N, C-alpha and C. Protein backbone atom coordinates (compact mmCIF):
# COMPACT_ATOMS: atom_id res chain seq x y z
N MET A 1 -37.14 127.64 87.65
CA MET A 1 -37.75 126.52 88.47
C MET A 1 -37.29 126.60 89.86
N ARG A 2 -36.22 127.36 90.25
CA ARG A 2 -35.84 127.44 91.61
C ARG A 2 -36.87 128.12 92.58
N ASP A 3 -37.61 129.10 92.07
CA ASP A 3 -38.52 129.82 92.93
C ASP A 3 -39.96 129.25 92.88
N VAL A 4 -40.13 128.01 92.33
CA VAL A 4 -41.47 127.27 92.29
C VAL A 4 -41.67 126.62 93.67
N GLN A 5 -42.80 126.86 94.24
CA GLN A 5 -43.12 126.32 95.53
C GLN A 5 -44.21 125.25 95.41
N THR A 6 -44.17 124.23 96.16
CA THR A 6 -45.08 123.13 96.19
C THR A 6 -46.30 123.65 97.06
N LEU A 7 -47.44 123.33 96.44
CA LEU A 7 -48.68 123.74 97.12
C LEU A 7 -49.16 122.82 98.12
N GLY A 8 -48.60 121.57 98.10
CA GLY A 8 -48.99 120.55 99.02
C GLY A 8 -50.31 119.96 98.60
N HIS A 9 -50.98 119.21 99.43
CA HIS A 9 -52.32 118.57 99.19
C HIS A 9 -53.36 119.57 99.18
N VAL A 10 -54.18 119.72 98.19
CA VAL A 10 -55.29 120.61 98.14
C VAL A 10 -56.56 119.79 98.19
N PRO A 11 -57.43 119.78 99.15
CA PRO A 11 -58.52 118.87 99.21
C PRO A 11 -59.55 119.25 98.12
N PRO A 12 -60.22 118.23 97.58
CA PRO A 12 -61.25 118.51 96.59
C PRO A 12 -62.38 119.31 97.04
N PRO A 13 -63.12 120.17 96.28
CA PRO A 13 -64.32 120.85 96.74
C PRO A 13 -65.36 119.91 97.15
N PRO A 14 -66.12 120.24 98.17
CA PRO A 14 -67.20 119.35 98.61
C PRO A 14 -68.21 119.16 97.59
N GLU A 15 -68.84 117.99 97.54
CA GLU A 15 -69.85 117.73 96.52
C GLU A 15 -71.22 118.29 96.93
N ALA A 16 -72.04 118.73 96.07
CA ALA A 16 -73.30 119.22 96.31
C ALA A 16 -74.16 118.18 96.90
N ASP A 17 -75.07 118.51 97.82
CA ASP A 17 -75.97 117.57 98.30
C ASP A 17 -76.95 117.15 97.28
N LEU A 18 -77.13 115.79 97.01
CA LEU A 18 -77.96 115.29 96.10
C LEU A 18 -79.39 114.99 96.71
N PRO A 19 -80.36 115.33 95.92
CA PRO A 19 -81.75 115.06 96.46
C PRO A 19 -82.01 113.63 96.71
N ASP A 20 -82.79 113.38 97.74
CA ASP A 20 -83.24 111.92 97.93
C ASP A 20 -84.37 111.64 97.00
N PRO A 21 -84.42 110.32 96.56
CA PRO A 21 -85.61 109.94 95.80
C PRO A 21 -86.82 109.91 96.61
N LEU A 22 -88.00 110.01 95.89
CA LEU A 22 -89.26 109.94 96.57
C LEU A 22 -89.36 108.61 97.30
N PRO A 23 -90.10 108.59 98.53
CA PRO A 23 -90.30 107.33 99.14
C PRO A 23 -91.11 106.35 98.29
N GLN A 24 -90.72 105.11 98.31
CA GLN A 24 -91.41 104.13 97.55
C GLN A 24 -91.94 102.87 98.32
N ALA A 25 -92.74 102.04 97.78
CA ALA A 25 -93.21 100.94 98.42
C ALA A 25 -91.96 99.84 98.70
N VAL A 26 -91.11 99.80 97.72
CA VAL A 26 -89.97 98.96 97.80
C VAL A 26 -88.84 99.74 98.49
N PRO A 27 -88.23 99.15 99.48
CA PRO A 27 -87.21 99.95 100.35
C PRO A 27 -86.10 100.64 99.42
N GLN A 28 -85.79 101.83 99.65
CA GLN A 28 -84.78 102.60 98.92
C GLN A 28 -83.34 102.29 99.64
N PRO A 29 -82.24 102.38 98.78
CA PRO A 29 -81.04 102.23 99.51
C PRO A 29 -80.71 103.46 100.35
N VAL A 30 -79.98 103.21 101.28
CA VAL A 30 -79.61 104.34 102.24
C VAL A 30 -78.62 105.23 101.52
N ALA A 31 -78.81 106.54 101.65
CA ALA A 31 -77.83 107.42 101.03
C ALA A 31 -76.50 107.28 101.69
N SER A 32 -75.41 107.32 100.85
CA SER A 32 -74.10 107.06 101.39
C SER A 32 -73.20 108.08 100.74
N ASP A 33 -71.99 108.15 101.14
CA ASP A 33 -71.08 108.99 100.58
C ASP A 33 -70.76 108.51 99.15
N PRO A 34 -70.19 109.32 98.27
CA PRO A 34 -69.88 108.94 96.80
C PRO A 34 -68.76 108.01 96.64
N ALA A 35 -68.38 107.31 97.74
CA ALA A 35 -67.21 106.41 97.69
C ALA A 35 -67.43 105.30 96.55
N PRO A 36 -68.56 104.72 96.38
CA PRO A 36 -68.78 103.77 95.39
C PRO A 36 -68.40 104.26 93.91
N LEU A 37 -68.64 105.52 93.69
CA LEU A 37 -68.30 106.19 92.36
C LEU A 37 -66.87 106.18 92.18
N ARG A 38 -66.10 106.40 93.27
CA ARG A 38 -64.60 106.58 93.11
C ARG A 38 -63.96 105.16 92.92
N ARG A 39 -64.61 104.08 93.44
CA ARG A 39 -63.98 102.75 93.27
C ARG A 39 -64.18 102.20 91.89
N ILE A 40 -65.11 102.69 91.18
CA ILE A 40 -65.35 102.12 89.90
C ILE A 40 -64.59 103.02 88.83
N ALA A 41 -63.75 102.31 88.12
CA ALA A 41 -63.06 103.03 87.20
C ALA A 41 -63.88 103.37 85.91
N PRO A 42 -63.75 104.44 85.21
CA PRO A 42 -64.48 104.80 84.05
C PRO A 42 -64.17 103.69 82.95
N VAL A 43 -65.25 102.91 82.60
CA VAL A 43 -65.00 101.88 81.57
C VAL A 43 -66.03 101.92 80.44
N ALA A 44 -66.83 102.97 80.30
CA ALA A 44 -67.90 103.01 79.31
C ALA A 44 -67.43 102.80 77.97
N HIS A 45 -66.17 103.37 77.69
CA HIS A 45 -65.65 103.22 76.32
C HIS A 45 -65.16 101.90 75.90
N ALA A 46 -64.88 101.04 76.90
CA ALA A 46 -64.39 99.68 76.68
C ALA A 46 -65.46 98.65 76.58
N LEU A 47 -66.67 98.96 76.89
CA LEU A 47 -67.84 97.99 76.94
C LEU A 47 -68.72 98.22 75.79
N PRO A 48 -69.32 97.13 75.34
CA PRO A 48 -70.39 97.35 74.24
C PRO A 48 -71.47 98.23 74.74
N PRO A 49 -72.10 99.03 73.92
CA PRO A 49 -73.22 99.85 74.34
C PRO A 49 -74.41 99.10 74.73
N LEU A 50 -75.07 99.55 75.70
CA LEU A 50 -76.37 98.83 76.14
C LEU A 50 -77.56 99.36 75.27
N GLU A 51 -78.40 98.51 74.95
CA GLU A 51 -79.67 98.86 74.28
C GLU A 51 -80.80 98.17 74.91
N LYS A 52 -81.91 98.81 74.94
CA LYS A 52 -83.18 98.21 75.55
C LYS A 52 -83.42 96.83 74.86
N GLY A 53 -83.47 95.78 75.63
CA GLY A 53 -83.87 94.49 75.17
C GLY A 53 -82.58 93.63 74.61
N ARG A 54 -81.47 94.17 74.46
CA ARG A 54 -80.29 93.44 74.06
C ARG A 54 -79.41 93.20 75.28
N ALA A 55 -78.80 92.09 75.35
CA ALA A 55 -78.05 91.74 76.49
C ALA A 55 -76.78 91.07 76.25
N PRO A 56 -75.81 91.85 75.67
CA PRO A 56 -74.51 91.22 75.39
C PRO A 56 -73.80 90.70 76.57
N GLY A 57 -73.36 89.43 76.58
CA GLY A 57 -72.70 88.89 77.75
C GLY A 57 -73.50 88.32 78.85
N VAL A 58 -74.84 88.27 78.58
CA VAL A 58 -75.79 87.76 79.58
C VAL A 58 -76.42 86.54 78.92
N ASP A 59 -76.50 85.43 79.72
CA ASP A 59 -77.01 84.14 79.21
C ASP A 59 -78.52 84.38 78.85
N LYS A 60 -79.03 83.49 77.85
CA LYS A 60 -80.40 83.77 77.35
C LYS A 60 -81.45 83.67 78.45
N ARG A 61 -81.29 82.67 79.38
CA ARG A 61 -82.26 82.48 80.46
C ARG A 61 -82.35 83.70 81.34
N THR A 62 -81.24 84.30 81.78
CA THR A 62 -81.27 85.41 82.67
C THR A 62 -81.85 86.62 81.87
N ALA A 63 -81.46 86.80 80.62
CA ALA A 63 -82.04 87.97 79.83
C ALA A 63 -83.51 87.78 79.67
N GLU A 64 -83.96 86.61 79.48
CA GLU A 64 -85.39 86.40 79.36
C GLU A 64 -86.18 86.64 80.58
N ARG A 65 -85.61 86.15 81.70
CA ARG A 65 -86.22 86.50 83.02
C ARG A 65 -86.41 87.97 83.24
N LEU A 66 -85.32 88.72 82.92
CA LEU A 66 -85.40 90.11 83.08
C LEU A 66 -86.48 90.71 82.25
N ARG A 67 -86.47 90.39 80.97
CA ARG A 67 -87.50 90.95 80.05
C ARG A 67 -88.91 90.62 80.42
N GLN A 68 -89.17 89.37 81.03
CA GLN A 68 -90.45 89.07 81.47
C GLN A 68 -90.85 89.58 82.83
N GLY A 69 -89.88 90.27 83.43
CA GLY A 69 -90.29 90.71 84.79
C GLY A 69 -90.25 89.66 85.93
N ASP A 70 -89.52 88.47 85.63
CA ASP A 70 -89.54 87.42 86.51
C ASP A 70 -88.39 87.40 87.63
N ARG A 71 -87.62 88.41 87.57
CA ARG A 71 -86.57 88.60 88.64
C ARG A 71 -87.17 89.40 89.69
N PRO A 72 -86.88 89.10 91.01
CA PRO A 72 -87.36 90.01 92.08
C PRO A 72 -86.69 91.34 92.00
N ILE A 73 -87.47 92.38 92.21
CA ILE A 73 -87.00 93.71 92.17
C ILE A 73 -86.47 94.08 93.66
N GLU A 74 -85.19 94.40 93.77
CA GLU A 74 -84.62 94.60 95.04
C GLU A 74 -84.65 96.12 95.50
N ALA A 75 -84.82 96.99 94.62
CA ALA A 75 -85.08 98.38 94.88
C ALA A 75 -85.57 99.18 93.75
N ARG A 76 -86.22 100.25 93.99
CA ARG A 76 -86.75 101.03 92.85
C ARG A 76 -86.46 102.61 93.04
N LEU A 77 -86.46 103.25 91.93
CA LEU A 77 -86.18 104.73 91.98
C LEU A 77 -87.26 105.36 91.01
N ASP A 78 -87.98 106.25 91.57
CA ASP A 78 -88.92 106.97 90.81
C ASP A 78 -88.45 108.37 90.44
N LEU A 79 -88.27 108.70 89.15
CA LEU A 79 -87.66 109.97 88.76
C LEU A 79 -88.73 110.99 88.48
N HIS A 80 -90.07 110.61 88.62
CA HIS A 80 -91.15 111.62 88.30
C HIS A 80 -90.92 112.94 88.97
N GLY A 81 -91.18 113.98 88.29
CA GLY A 81 -91.08 115.33 88.85
C GLY A 81 -89.73 115.85 89.13
N MET A 82 -88.71 115.22 88.73
CA MET A 82 -87.34 115.69 88.78
C MET A 82 -86.77 116.41 87.55
N THR A 83 -85.91 117.30 87.73
CA THR A 83 -85.34 117.95 86.54
C THR A 83 -84.39 116.97 86.00
N ARG A 84 -83.93 117.23 84.77
CA ARG A 84 -82.97 116.38 84.11
C ARG A 84 -81.72 116.29 84.89
N GLU A 85 -81.16 117.30 85.49
CA GLU A 85 -79.93 117.27 86.24
C GLU A 85 -80.09 116.46 87.52
N SER A 86 -81.14 116.78 88.29
CA SER A 86 -81.33 116.09 89.56
C SER A 86 -81.68 114.65 89.31
N ALA A 87 -82.37 114.31 88.20
CA ALA A 87 -82.68 112.91 87.87
C ALA A 87 -81.39 112.15 87.52
N HIS A 88 -80.55 112.77 86.77
CA HIS A 88 -79.22 112.25 86.41
C HIS A 88 -78.37 111.87 87.69
N ARG A 89 -78.32 112.85 88.63
CA ARG A 89 -77.51 112.63 89.90
C ARG A 89 -78.18 111.56 90.71
N ALA A 90 -79.48 111.58 90.82
CA ALA A 90 -80.23 110.48 91.54
C ALA A 90 -80.01 109.14 90.92
N LEU A 91 -80.03 109.04 89.67
CA LEU A 91 -79.78 107.75 88.99
C LEU A 91 -78.34 107.25 89.27
N ILE A 92 -77.34 108.02 89.12
CA ILE A 92 -76.02 107.67 89.38
C ILE A 92 -75.82 107.15 90.86
N ARG A 93 -76.38 107.93 91.76
CA ARG A 93 -76.34 107.57 93.22
C ARG A 93 -77.12 106.21 93.51
N PHE A 94 -78.24 106.06 92.95
CA PHE A 94 -79.09 104.97 93.10
C PHE A 94 -78.37 103.71 92.50
N VAL A 95 -77.87 103.75 91.37
CA VAL A 95 -77.26 102.62 90.83
C VAL A 95 -75.96 102.22 91.56
N ALA A 96 -75.19 103.32 91.98
CA ALA A 96 -73.92 103.00 92.73
C ALA A 96 -74.31 102.37 94.12
N ASP A 97 -75.29 102.97 94.82
CA ASP A 97 -75.64 102.42 96.14
C ASP A 97 -76.20 100.94 95.99
N SER A 98 -77.01 100.77 94.90
CA SER A 98 -77.47 99.34 94.68
C SER A 98 -76.43 98.38 94.38
N PHE A 99 -75.46 98.82 93.57
CA PHE A 99 -74.26 98.00 93.21
C PHE A 99 -73.52 97.75 94.47
N ASP A 100 -73.24 98.72 95.33
CA ASP A 100 -72.57 98.60 96.49
C ASP A 100 -73.12 97.65 97.48
N ALA A 101 -74.47 97.67 97.51
CA ALA A 101 -75.24 96.82 98.40
C ALA A 101 -75.36 95.38 97.90
N GLY A 102 -74.91 95.15 96.70
CA GLY A 102 -74.94 93.82 96.16
C GLY A 102 -76.26 93.45 95.49
N ARG A 103 -77.10 94.45 95.22
CA ARG A 103 -78.38 94.23 94.58
C ARG A 103 -78.10 93.84 93.09
N ARG A 104 -79.05 92.99 92.48
CA ARG A 104 -78.80 92.61 91.06
C ARG A 104 -79.92 93.20 90.12
N CYS A 105 -81.15 93.24 90.56
CA CYS A 105 -82.30 93.72 89.78
C CYS A 105 -82.93 94.84 90.45
N ILE A 106 -82.82 96.07 89.71
CA ILE A 106 -83.61 97.16 90.26
C ILE A 106 -84.45 97.77 89.15
N LEU A 107 -85.37 98.59 89.70
CA LEU A 107 -86.38 99.24 88.70
C LEU A 107 -86.10 100.71 88.78
N VAL A 108 -86.20 101.30 87.55
CA VAL A 108 -86.05 102.85 87.45
C VAL A 108 -87.31 103.25 86.73
N VAL A 109 -88.11 104.10 87.32
CA VAL A 109 -89.37 104.67 86.76
C VAL A 109 -89.05 105.98 86.27
N THR A 110 -89.13 106.15 84.95
CA THR A 110 -88.90 107.49 84.23
C THR A 110 -90.19 108.23 83.95
N GLY A 111 -91.30 107.56 83.88
CA GLY A 111 -92.53 108.15 83.51
C GLY A 111 -92.64 108.09 81.91
N LYS A 112 -93.76 108.25 81.38
CA LYS A 112 -94.00 108.16 80.03
C LYS A 112 -93.94 109.54 79.30
N GLY A 113 -93.96 110.58 80.02
CA GLY A 113 -94.09 111.98 79.36
C GLY A 113 -95.47 112.41 79.20
N THR A 114 -95.58 113.69 78.76
CA THR A 114 -96.99 114.21 78.68
C THR A 114 -97.65 113.82 77.37
N ARG A 115 -96.97 113.57 76.32
CA ARG A 115 -97.50 113.04 75.01
C ARG A 115 -96.73 111.77 74.69
N GLU A 116 -97.26 111.00 73.76
CA GLU A 116 -96.73 109.79 73.46
C GLU A 116 -95.27 109.94 73.03
N GLY A 117 -94.35 109.27 73.69
CA GLY A 117 -92.91 109.31 73.35
C GLY A 117 -92.21 110.59 73.63
N SER A 118 -92.77 111.50 74.43
CA SER A 118 -92.17 112.80 74.56
C SER A 118 -91.43 112.95 75.88
N GLY A 119 -91.32 111.93 76.76
CA GLY A 119 -90.75 112.06 78.01
C GLY A 119 -89.24 112.30 77.86
N VAL A 120 -88.84 113.38 78.51
CA VAL A 120 -87.37 113.71 78.50
C VAL A 120 -86.57 112.67 79.25
N LEU A 121 -86.94 112.36 80.48
CA LEU A 121 -86.22 111.47 81.26
C LEU A 121 -86.33 109.99 80.61
N ARG A 122 -87.42 109.69 80.06
CA ARG A 122 -87.64 108.38 79.40
C ARG A 122 -86.67 108.22 78.18
N ALA A 123 -86.29 109.41 77.58
CA ALA A 123 -85.32 109.33 76.39
C ALA A 123 -83.90 109.34 76.91
N GLU A 124 -83.69 110.04 78.02
CA GLU A 124 -82.26 110.28 78.56
C GLU A 124 -81.78 109.16 79.27
N VAL A 125 -82.56 108.43 80.03
CA VAL A 125 -82.02 107.39 80.94
C VAL A 125 -81.16 106.32 80.19
N PRO A 126 -81.63 105.78 78.97
CA PRO A 126 -80.82 104.82 78.26
C PRO A 126 -79.43 105.42 77.92
N HIS A 127 -79.36 106.70 77.62
CA HIS A 127 -78.11 107.27 77.35
C HIS A 127 -77.24 107.35 78.62
N TRP A 128 -77.85 107.77 79.62
CA TRP A 128 -77.10 107.78 80.92
C TRP A 128 -76.49 106.45 81.43
N LEU A 129 -77.31 105.39 81.09
CA LEU A 129 -76.85 104.06 81.42
C LEU A 129 -75.56 103.63 80.63
N ASN A 130 -75.25 104.25 79.52
CA ASN A 130 -74.14 103.93 78.74
C ASN A 130 -72.95 104.86 79.12
N GLY A 131 -73.08 105.87 79.95
CA GLY A 131 -72.07 106.69 80.40
C GLY A 131 -71.36 106.34 81.64
N ASP A 132 -70.29 106.96 81.97
CA ASP A 132 -69.55 106.74 83.21
C ASP A 132 -70.34 107.44 84.27
N PRO A 133 -70.39 106.92 85.53
CA PRO A 133 -69.82 105.59 85.99
C PRO A 133 -70.75 104.49 85.89
N ILE A 134 -72.09 104.73 85.43
CA ILE A 134 -73.06 103.71 85.46
C ILE A 134 -72.70 102.53 84.58
N ARG A 135 -72.24 102.74 83.39
CA ARG A 135 -72.00 101.56 82.52
C ARG A 135 -71.15 100.53 83.02
N GLY A 136 -70.28 100.82 83.89
CA GLY A 136 -69.45 99.87 84.53
C GLY A 136 -70.05 98.94 85.55
N MET A 137 -71.34 99.40 85.95
CA MET A 137 -72.06 98.60 86.99
C MET A 137 -73.22 97.85 86.38
N VAL A 138 -73.71 98.21 85.16
CA VAL A 138 -74.91 97.60 84.60
C VAL A 138 -74.54 96.63 83.56
N LEU A 139 -75.23 95.41 83.61
CA LEU A 139 -74.99 94.35 82.65
C LEU A 139 -75.91 94.63 81.45
N THR A 140 -77.25 94.84 81.79
CA THR A 140 -78.27 95.09 80.73
C THR A 140 -79.39 95.81 81.24
N PHE A 141 -80.36 96.18 80.46
CA PHE A 141 -81.62 96.71 80.97
C PHE A 141 -82.70 96.36 79.92
N ALA A 142 -83.96 96.30 80.35
CA ALA A 142 -85.08 96.01 79.61
C ALA A 142 -86.35 96.87 79.99
N GLN A 143 -87.19 96.99 79.08
CA GLN A 143 -88.46 97.70 79.35
C GLN A 143 -89.25 96.90 80.38
N ALA A 144 -89.84 97.63 81.43
CA ALA A 144 -90.59 96.95 82.39
C ALA A 144 -92.00 96.45 81.88
N LYS A 145 -92.50 95.48 82.52
CA LYS A 145 -93.79 94.98 82.31
C LYS A 145 -94.86 95.97 82.73
N PRO A 146 -96.09 95.84 82.28
CA PRO A 146 -97.15 96.85 82.57
C PRO A 146 -97.36 97.07 84.09
N TRP A 147 -97.27 95.95 84.80
CA TRP A 147 -97.50 96.06 86.21
C TRP A 147 -96.36 96.68 87.00
N HIS A 148 -95.16 96.91 86.34
CA HIS A 148 -94.19 97.63 86.95
C HIS A 148 -93.97 99.01 86.35
N GLY A 149 -94.76 99.45 85.50
CA GLY A 149 -94.62 100.74 84.80
C GLY A 149 -94.58 100.74 83.27
N GLY A 150 -94.48 99.54 82.65
CA GLY A 150 -94.46 99.53 81.21
C GLY A 150 -93.42 100.37 80.55
N ASP A 151 -93.93 101.10 79.61
CA ASP A 151 -93.03 102.08 78.73
C ASP A 151 -92.34 103.04 79.59
N GLY A 152 -92.86 103.32 80.69
CA GLY A 152 -92.24 104.40 81.54
C GLY A 152 -91.38 103.93 82.70
N ALA A 153 -90.87 102.67 82.54
CA ALA A 153 -89.91 102.08 83.62
C ALA A 153 -89.02 101.10 82.86
N LEU A 154 -87.88 100.93 83.56
CA LEU A 154 -86.82 99.99 83.08
C LEU A 154 -86.37 99.06 84.14
N TYR A 155 -86.18 97.78 83.80
CA TYR A 155 -85.43 96.87 84.73
C TYR A 155 -83.95 97.07 84.39
N LEU A 156 -83.15 97.02 85.47
CA LEU A 156 -81.73 97.12 85.29
C LEU A 156 -81.18 95.85 85.99
N LEU A 157 -80.32 95.15 85.28
CA LEU A 157 -79.56 94.03 85.85
C LEU A 157 -78.13 94.54 86.11
N LEU A 158 -77.71 94.55 87.34
CA LEU A 158 -76.40 95.00 87.80
C LEU A 158 -75.47 93.86 87.85
N LYS A 159 -74.20 94.18 87.63
CA LYS A 159 -73.15 93.19 87.75
C LYS A 159 -72.97 92.83 89.19
N ARG A 160 -72.37 91.63 89.37
CA ARG A 160 -72.07 91.22 90.69
C ARG A 160 -70.87 91.97 91.21
N ARG A 161 -70.92 92.45 92.45
CA ARG A 161 -69.81 93.16 93.00
C ARG A 161 -68.69 92.24 93.42
N ARG A 162 -67.56 92.50 92.90
CA ARG A 162 -66.35 91.78 93.22
C ARG A 162 -65.64 92.48 94.33
N SER A 163 -65.17 91.69 95.42
CA SER A 163 -64.42 92.35 96.39
C SER A 163 -62.99 92.43 96.20
């Protein structure tokens, strides 16, 4: 042990540039550094799993307003045309930026897929919502109403940001 030398602080490798989501009618959050991701501790294992239409810990009125599309949508992300990996990174960044900005209700458009029920992103997004770091920021989610994308979109209700 006498000849062991301390390496000192080694900076982490730089993160890859994440693609910006496509422009939307609703303002997109401004891209920021990944600081919001570092502030949120991994908690997916300690929380009940999220399922479409179920809202554990959310009062009935709030859950119903979300399901009916009655909450104002504060930002939207369209994942059409993205690969699975780029969509996952974009979703993490979008949710983290929205959470950091204090937004409560956001819309994620996955698309319906080429055949009935075959959309890869449509199937993956609910799983991603239950993983770290997203699960620690999301209270519940519900299928969007037809005027917001129907089967190919989800409303997400984010937790309030505590300072």
